[in-house]
């Protein structure tokens, strides 16, 4: 089993920055892909940014150019640097990951169904 724990949420004013981190523990060897999702009140969960073991990244249109995803090479720690935050970025942010042991490469994706392990989420609130 793998456990994911997010840190770094909080409250900021519009235009501010936050950095989220996610620590993975458990059996995390092999190839991987990891991502950040978010869910605003009354909204569906949406993919924000994703990264795979080759360092290839992908972003949703709403955050591209403002958010940066990164990960340690061993796939045990994931980060999300969020700049120029706006009120519409207010949501609970979730870390997600999948690890593979069959030797194949799995590209980054913002598809929810691609991720087996999920954190409990951390609240990000942006005020205008």
N, C-alpha and C. Protein backbone atom coordinates (compact mmCIF):
# COMPACT_ATOMS: atom_id res chain seq x y z
N UNK A 1 0.83 -1.19 0.00
CA UNK A 1 0.00 0.00 0.00
C UNK A 1 0.87 1.25 0.00
N UNK A 2 0.33 2.32 -0.52
CA UNK A 2 1.01 3.60 -0.58
C UNK A 2 0.14 4.64 0.11
N UNK A 3 0.78 5.47 0.92
CA UNK A 3 0.08 6.57 1.58
C UNK A 3 0.62 7.89 1.06
N UNK A 4 -0.29 8.82 0.76
CA UNK A 4 0.09 10.14 0.27
C UNK A 4 -0.38 11.19 1.26
N UNK A 5 0.50 12.11 1.62
CA UNK A 5 0.16 13.16 2.57
C UNK A 5 0.53 14.52 1.97
N UNK A 6 -0.48 15.37 1.83
CA UNK A 6 -0.26 16.70 1.27
C UNK A 6 0.01 17.71 2.38
N UNK A 7 0.81 18.71 2.06
CA UNK A 7 1.08 19.82 2.97
C UNK A 7 1.18 21.11 2.17
N UNK A 8 0.97 22.23 2.86
CA UNK A 8 1.23 23.50 2.24
C UNK A 8 0.02 24.33 1.88
N UNK A 9 -1.17 23.84 2.12
CA UNK A 9 -2.35 24.63 1.82
C UNK A 9 -2.47 25.81 2.76
N UNK A 10 -3.38 26.71 2.45
CA UNK A 10 -3.59 27.86 3.30
C UNK A 10 -4.42 28.90 2.60
N UNK A 11 -4.40 30.11 3.17
CA UNK A 11 -5.18 31.22 2.62
C UNK A 11 -4.24 32.31 2.16
N UNK A 12 -4.50 32.83 0.96
CA UNK A 12 -3.70 33.92 0.40
C UNK A 12 -4.63 34.89 -0.31
N UNK A 13 -4.09 36.08 -0.58
CA UNK A 13 -4.84 37.04 -1.36
C UNK A 13 -4.57 36.83 -2.84
N UNK A 14 -5.46 37.36 -3.63
CA UNK A 14 -5.32 37.26 -5.08
C UNK A 14 -3.95 37.78 -5.50
N UNK A 15 -3.28 37.03 -6.37
CA UNK A 15 -1.95 37.39 -6.82
C UNK A 15 -0.83 36.75 -6.02
N UNK A 16 -1.19 36.11 -4.92
CA UNK A 16 -0.20 35.50 -4.05
C UNK A 16 0.25 34.13 -4.55
N UNK A 17 1.15 33.51 -3.77
CA UNK A 17 1.72 32.22 -4.13
C UNK A 17 1.64 31.24 -2.98
N UNK A 18 1.58 29.97 -3.32
CA UNK A 18 1.66 28.88 -2.36
C UNK A 18 2.41 27.74 -3.00
N UNK A 19 3.04 26.93 -2.16
CA UNK A 19 3.73 25.73 -2.63
C UNK A 19 3.19 24.54 -1.88
N UNK A 20 2.64 23.60 -2.62
CA UNK A 20 2.13 22.37 -2.03
C UNK A 20 3.17 21.26 -2.16
N UNK A 21 3.17 20.37 -1.20
CA UNK A 21 4.04 19.20 -1.31
C UNK A 21 3.22 17.96 -0.97
N UNK A 22 3.70 16.84 -1.44
CA UNK A 22 3.03 15.56 -1.22
C UNK A 22 4.11 14.51 -0.99
N UNK A 23 4.07 13.88 0.16
CA UNK A 23 5.02 12.83 0.49
C UNK A 23 4.37 11.46 0.35
N UNK A 24 5.03 10.59 -0.39
CA UNK A 24 4.54 9.22 -0.57
C UNK A 24 5.33 8.27 0.30
N UNK A 25 4.66 7.37 0.95
CA UNK A 25 5.32 6.34 1.75
C UNK A 25 4.72 4.99 1.40
N UNK A 26 5.52 3.96 1.59
CA UNK A 26 5.08 2.62 1.24
C UNK A 26 5.88 2.09 0.07
N UNK A 27 5.29 1.17 -0.68
CA UNK A 27 5.99 0.52 -1.79
C UNK A 27 5.89 1.37 -3.04
N UNK A 28 6.88 2.25 -3.24
CA UNK A 28 6.83 3.23 -4.33
C UNK A 28 7.91 3.01 -5.38
N UNK A 29 8.50 1.83 -5.43
CA UNK A 29 9.52 1.56 -6.45
C UNK A 29 8.87 1.41 -7.81
N UNK A 30 9.71 1.33 -8.86
CA UNK A 30 9.17 1.15 -10.19
C UNK A 30 8.91 2.47 -10.88
N UNK A 31 8.27 2.41 -12.03
CA UNK A 31 7.93 3.64 -12.74
C UNK A 31 6.69 4.26 -12.11
N UNK A 32 6.47 5.53 -12.43
CA UNK A 32 5.37 6.21 -11.76
C UNK A 32 4.82 7.35 -12.61
N UNK A 33 3.66 7.78 -12.23
CA UNK A 33 3.13 9.05 -12.66
C UNK A 33 2.35 9.63 -11.49
N UNK A 34 2.42 10.94 -11.36
CA UNK A 34 1.82 11.62 -10.23
C UNK A 34 1.11 12.88 -10.72
N UNK A 35 0.17 13.35 -9.94
CA UNK A 35 -0.62 14.50 -10.40
C UNK A 35 -1.24 15.23 -9.22
N UNK A 36 -1.66 16.45 -9.50
CA UNK A 36 -2.47 17.23 -8.59
C UNK A 36 -3.85 17.42 -9.20
N UNK A 37 -4.86 17.20 -8.37
CA UNK A 37 -6.23 17.46 -8.75
C UNK A 37 -6.81 18.47 -7.76
N UNK A 38 -7.92 19.06 -8.10
CA UNK A 38 -8.59 19.95 -7.17
C UNK A 38 -10.10 19.83 -7.33
N UNK A 39 -10.78 20.18 -6.24
CA UNK A 39 -12.24 20.14 -6.26
C UNK A 39 -12.77 21.34 -5.49
N UNK A 40 -13.39 22.25 -6.22
CA UNK A 40 -14.03 23.40 -5.60
C UNK A 40 -15.40 23.03 -5.07
N UNK A 41 -15.93 23.84 -4.19
CA UNK A 41 -17.24 23.56 -3.61
C UNK A 41 -18.31 23.49 -4.69
N UNK A 42 -19.02 22.39 -4.71
CA UNK A 42 -20.08 22.21 -5.69
C UNK A 42 -19.60 21.89 -7.09
N UNK A 43 -18.30 21.62 -7.23
CA UNK A 43 -17.74 21.33 -8.56
C UNK A 43 -17.18 19.91 -8.61
N UNK A 44 -16.98 19.42 -9.81
CA UNK A 44 -16.37 18.12 -9.98
C UNK A 44 -14.85 18.23 -9.81
N UNK A 45 -14.24 17.10 -9.44
CA UNK A 45 -12.79 17.08 -9.31
C UNK A 45 -12.17 17.23 -10.70
N UNK A 46 -11.14 18.06 -10.81
CA UNK A 46 -10.49 18.29 -12.08
C UNK A 46 -8.98 18.15 -11.95
N UNK A 47 -8.37 17.68 -13.02
CA UNK A 47 -6.93 17.57 -13.05
C UNK A 47 -6.30 18.94 -13.23
N UNK A 48 -5.22 19.18 -12.50
CA UNK A 48 -4.53 20.47 -12.55
C UNK A 48 -3.18 20.34 -13.25
N UNK A 49 -2.37 19.38 -12.79
CA UNK A 49 -1.04 19.20 -13.35
C UNK A 49 -0.60 17.77 -13.10
N UNK A 50 0.20 17.23 -14.01
CA UNK A 50 0.67 15.86 -13.89
C UNK A 50 2.11 15.77 -14.35
N UNK A 51 2.80 14.72 -13.86
CA UNK A 51 4.20 14.49 -14.22
C UNK A 51 4.47 12.99 -14.22
N UNK A 52 5.38 12.56 -15.09
CA UNK A 52 5.72 11.14 -15.10
C UNK A 52 7.20 10.95 -14.81
N UNK A 53 7.64 9.71 -14.82
CA UNK A 53 9.01 9.39 -14.40
C UNK A 53 10.06 10.00 -15.33
N UNK A 54 9.69 10.36 -16.52
CA UNK A 54 10.65 10.99 -17.44
C UNK A 54 10.67 12.50 -17.27
N UNK A 55 9.85 13.00 -16.36
CA UNK A 55 9.81 14.44 -16.15
C UNK A 55 8.91 15.18 -17.11
N UNK A 56 8.16 14.45 -17.91
CA UNK A 56 7.21 15.09 -18.82
C UNK A 56 6.02 15.61 -18.00
N UNK A 57 5.62 16.83 -18.26
CA UNK A 57 4.54 17.45 -17.49
C UNK A 57 3.36 17.82 -18.37
N UNK A 58 2.22 17.96 -17.73
CA UNK A 58 1.02 18.41 -18.41
C UNK A 58 0.20 19.27 -17.46
N UNK A 59 -0.50 20.24 -18.00
CA UNK A 59 -1.27 21.19 -17.19
C UNK A 59 -2.64 21.41 -17.79
N UNK A 60 -3.59 21.74 -16.92
CA UNK A 60 -4.88 22.16 -17.42
C UNK A 60 -4.73 23.58 -17.97
N UNK A 61 -5.62 23.92 -18.87
CA UNK A 61 -5.55 25.24 -19.50
C UNK A 61 -5.66 26.35 -18.46
N UNK A 62 -6.45 26.12 -17.42
CA UNK A 62 -6.73 27.16 -16.44
C UNK A 62 -5.52 27.53 -15.58
N UNK A 63 -4.52 26.68 -15.51
CA UNK A 63 -3.39 26.96 -14.64
C UNK A 63 -2.06 27.07 -15.38
N UNK A 64 -2.04 26.71 -16.66
CA UNK A 64 -0.79 26.72 -17.41
C UNK A 64 -0.18 28.12 -17.40
N UNK A 65 1.13 28.17 -17.09
CA UNK A 65 1.80 29.46 -17.02
C UNK A 65 1.83 30.04 -15.62
N UNK A 66 0.98 29.52 -14.73
CA UNK A 66 0.95 30.01 -13.34
C UNK A 66 1.41 28.94 -12.35
N UNK A 67 1.12 27.69 -12.64
CA UNK A 67 1.47 26.58 -11.75
C UNK A 67 2.62 25.78 -12.36
N UNK A 68 3.47 25.22 -11.48
CA UNK A 68 4.56 24.36 -11.92
C UNK A 68 4.59 23.11 -11.06
N UNK A 69 4.53 21.96 -11.72
CA UNK A 69 4.62 20.69 -11.01
C UNK A 69 6.04 20.16 -11.12
N UNK A 70 6.51 19.54 -10.04
CA UNK A 70 7.84 18.91 -10.06
C UNK A 70 7.82 17.73 -9.10
N UNK A 71 8.80 16.86 -9.25
CA UNK A 71 8.87 15.67 -8.40
C UNK A 71 10.32 15.26 -8.21
N UNK A 72 10.59 14.64 -7.09
CA UNK A 72 11.90 14.03 -6.91
C UNK A 72 12.01 12.84 -7.83
N UNK A 73 13.23 12.51 -8.24
CA UNK A 73 13.44 11.44 -9.20
C UNK A 73 12.91 10.09 -8.73
N UNK A 74 12.85 9.88 -7.42
CA UNK A 74 12.41 8.58 -6.92
C UNK A 74 10.89 8.49 -6.84
N UNK A 75 10.20 9.55 -7.19
CA UNK A 75 8.73 9.52 -7.19
C UNK A 75 8.12 9.52 -5.81
N UNK A 76 8.90 9.87 -4.79
CA UNK A 76 8.37 9.87 -3.43
C UNK A 76 7.87 11.22 -2.96
N UNK A 77 8.23 12.28 -3.67
CA UNK A 77 7.80 13.61 -3.27
C UNK A 77 7.34 14.39 -4.49
N UNK A 78 6.21 15.01 -4.36
CA UNK A 78 5.61 15.79 -5.45
C UNK A 78 5.39 17.21 -4.96
N UNK A 79 5.58 18.18 -5.85
CA UNK A 79 5.39 19.58 -5.50
C UNK A 79 4.46 20.26 -6.50
N UNK A 80 3.83 21.32 -6.04
CA UNK A 80 3.08 22.19 -6.93
C UNK A 80 3.32 23.63 -6.50
N UNK A 81 4.05 24.36 -7.32
CA UNK A 81 4.27 25.78 -7.07
C UNK A 81 3.15 26.55 -7.76
N UNK A 82 2.40 27.31 -6.97
CA UNK A 82 1.25 28.04 -7.51
C UNK A 82 1.49 29.53 -7.37
N UNK A 83 1.58 30.20 -8.50
CA UNK A 83 1.81 31.65 -8.52
C UNK A 83 0.60 32.37 -9.09
N UNK A 84 0.51 33.64 -8.80
CA UNK A 84 -0.58 34.48 -9.30
C UNK A 84 -1.94 33.80 -9.05
N UNK A 85 -2.14 33.37 -7.82
CA UNK A 85 -3.37 32.68 -7.48
C UNK A 85 -4.57 33.61 -7.59
N UNK A 86 -5.68 33.05 -8.02
CA UNK A 86 -6.92 33.78 -8.22
C UNK A 86 -8.03 33.13 -7.39
N UNK A 87 -9.10 33.88 -7.10
CA UNK A 87 -10.19 33.29 -6.31
C UNK A 87 -10.75 32.00 -6.90
N UNK A 88 -10.73 31.87 -8.22
CA UNK A 88 -11.25 30.65 -8.85
C UNK A 88 -10.34 29.44 -8.61
N UNK A 89 -9.16 29.66 -8.06
CA UNK A 89 -8.27 28.54 -7.71
C UNK A 89 -8.62 27.95 -6.33
N UNK A 90 -9.55 28.58 -5.63
CA UNK A 90 -9.97 28.07 -4.33
C UNK A 90 -10.56 26.68 -4.46
N UNK A 91 -10.00 25.74 -3.72
CA UNK A 91 -10.44 24.35 -3.81
C UNK A 91 -9.67 23.51 -2.80
N UNK A 92 -10.09 22.28 -2.66
CA UNK A 92 -9.28 21.29 -1.97
C UNK A 92 -8.38 20.64 -3.02
N UNK A 93 -7.09 20.63 -2.75
CA UNK A 93 -6.12 20.09 -3.70
C UNK A 93 -5.68 18.70 -3.23
N UNK A 94 -5.71 17.75 -4.17
CA UNK A 94 -5.39 16.36 -3.88
C UNK A 94 -4.16 15.92 -4.68
N UNK A 95 -3.31 15.18 -4.01
CA UNK A 95 -2.19 14.52 -4.65
C UNK A 95 -2.65 13.12 -5.07
N UNK A 96 -2.18 12.67 -6.23
CA UNK A 96 -2.54 11.34 -6.72
C UNK A 96 -1.31 10.70 -7.35
N UNK A 97 -1.24 9.37 -7.27
CA UNK A 97 -0.06 8.67 -7.80
C UNK A 97 -0.42 7.25 -8.20
N UNK A 98 0.35 6.75 -9.14
CA UNK A 98 0.32 5.33 -9.48
C UNK A 98 1.75 4.86 -9.71
N UNK A 99 2.03 3.64 -9.29
CA UNK A 99 3.36 3.05 -9.44
C UNK A 99 3.22 1.73 -10.19
N UNK A 100 4.19 1.47 -11.08
CA UNK A 100 4.12 0.31 -11.95
C UNK A 100 5.41 -0.51 -11.88
N UNK A 101 5.26 -1.83 -11.94
CA UNK A 101 6.41 -2.70 -11.77
C UNK A 101 6.61 -3.66 -12.93
N UNK A 102 6.02 -3.34 -14.08
CA UNK A 102 6.13 -4.21 -15.24
C UNK A 102 7.15 -3.74 -16.25
N UNK A 103 7.90 -2.69 -15.95
CA UNK A 103 8.95 -2.21 -16.83
C UNK A 103 8.49 -1.29 -17.94
N UNK A 104 7.20 -1.03 -18.03
CA UNK A 104 6.69 -0.16 -19.09
C UNK A 104 6.67 1.30 -18.63
N UNK A 105 6.67 2.19 -19.61
CA UNK A 105 6.58 3.63 -19.34
C UNK A 105 5.11 4.05 -19.41
N UNK A 106 4.69 4.82 -18.42
CA UNK A 106 3.33 5.34 -18.38
C UNK A 106 3.40 6.86 -18.40
N UNK A 107 2.85 7.46 -19.43
CA UNK A 107 2.95 8.91 -19.60
C UNK A 107 2.04 9.65 -18.63
N UNK A 108 2.39 10.88 -18.36
CA UNK A 108 1.57 11.70 -17.48
C UNK A 108 0.18 11.89 -18.09
N UNK A 109 -0.79 12.06 -17.23
CA UNK A 109 -2.16 12.26 -17.68
C UNK A 109 -2.96 12.96 -16.60
N UNK A 110 -4.01 13.67 -17.00
CA UNK A 110 -4.92 14.31 -16.06
C UNK A 110 -6.22 13.52 -15.90
N UNK A 111 -6.20 12.26 -16.36
CA UNK A 111 -7.37 11.41 -16.21
C UNK A 111 -7.43 10.87 -14.79
N UNK A 112 -8.51 11.11 -14.11
CA UNK A 112 -8.66 10.66 -12.72
C UNK A 112 -8.50 9.16 -12.60
N UNK A 113 -9.02 8.42 -13.55
CA UNK A 113 -9.02 6.96 -13.47
C UNK A 113 -7.63 6.34 -13.56
N UNK A 114 -6.64 7.12 -13.95
CA UNK A 114 -5.27 6.60 -14.09
C UNK A 114 -4.54 6.48 -12.76
N UNK A 115 -5.11 7.03 -11.71
CA UNK A 115 -4.40 7.10 -10.43
C UNK A 115 -5.05 6.21 -9.38
N UNK A 116 -4.20 5.38 -8.78
CA UNK A 116 -4.68 4.42 -7.80
C UNK A 116 -4.68 4.98 -6.38
N UNK A 117 -3.70 5.81 -6.06
CA UNK A 117 -3.54 6.29 -4.68
C UNK A 117 -3.85 7.78 -4.61
N UNK A 118 -4.53 8.16 -3.53
CA UNK A 118 -4.95 9.55 -3.36
C UNK A 118 -4.67 10.01 -1.93
N UNK A 119 -4.28 11.28 -1.80
CA UNK A 119 -4.15 11.87 -0.49
C UNK A 119 -5.49 12.35 0.02
N UNK A 120 -5.47 12.89 1.24
CA UNK A 120 -6.69 13.36 1.88
C UNK A 120 -7.08 14.77 1.45
N UNK A 121 -6.14 15.48 0.85
CA UNK A 121 -6.44 16.81 0.36
C UNK A 121 -5.99 17.92 1.30
N UNK A 122 -5.71 19.08 0.73
CA UNK A 122 -5.34 20.25 1.51
C UNK A 122 -6.08 21.46 0.93
N UNK A 123 -6.63 22.28 1.81
CA UNK A 123 -7.46 23.40 1.37
C UNK A 123 -6.60 24.58 0.95
N UNK A 124 -6.95 25.14 -0.21
CA UNK A 124 -6.34 26.38 -0.69
C UNK A 124 -7.47 27.39 -0.88
N UNK A 125 -7.35 28.53 -0.22
CA UNK A 125 -8.37 29.57 -0.31
C UNK A 125 -7.72 30.86 -0.77
N UNK A 126 -8.27 31.44 -1.83
CA UNK A 126 -7.74 32.68 -2.40
C UNK A 126 -8.82 33.75 -2.30
N UNK A 127 -8.51 34.83 -1.63
CA UNK A 127 -9.47 35.92 -1.46
C UNK A 127 -9.13 37.07 -2.40
N UNK A 128 -10.17 37.76 -2.81
CA UNK A 128 -9.96 38.88 -3.76
C UNK A 128 -9.66 40.18 -3.05
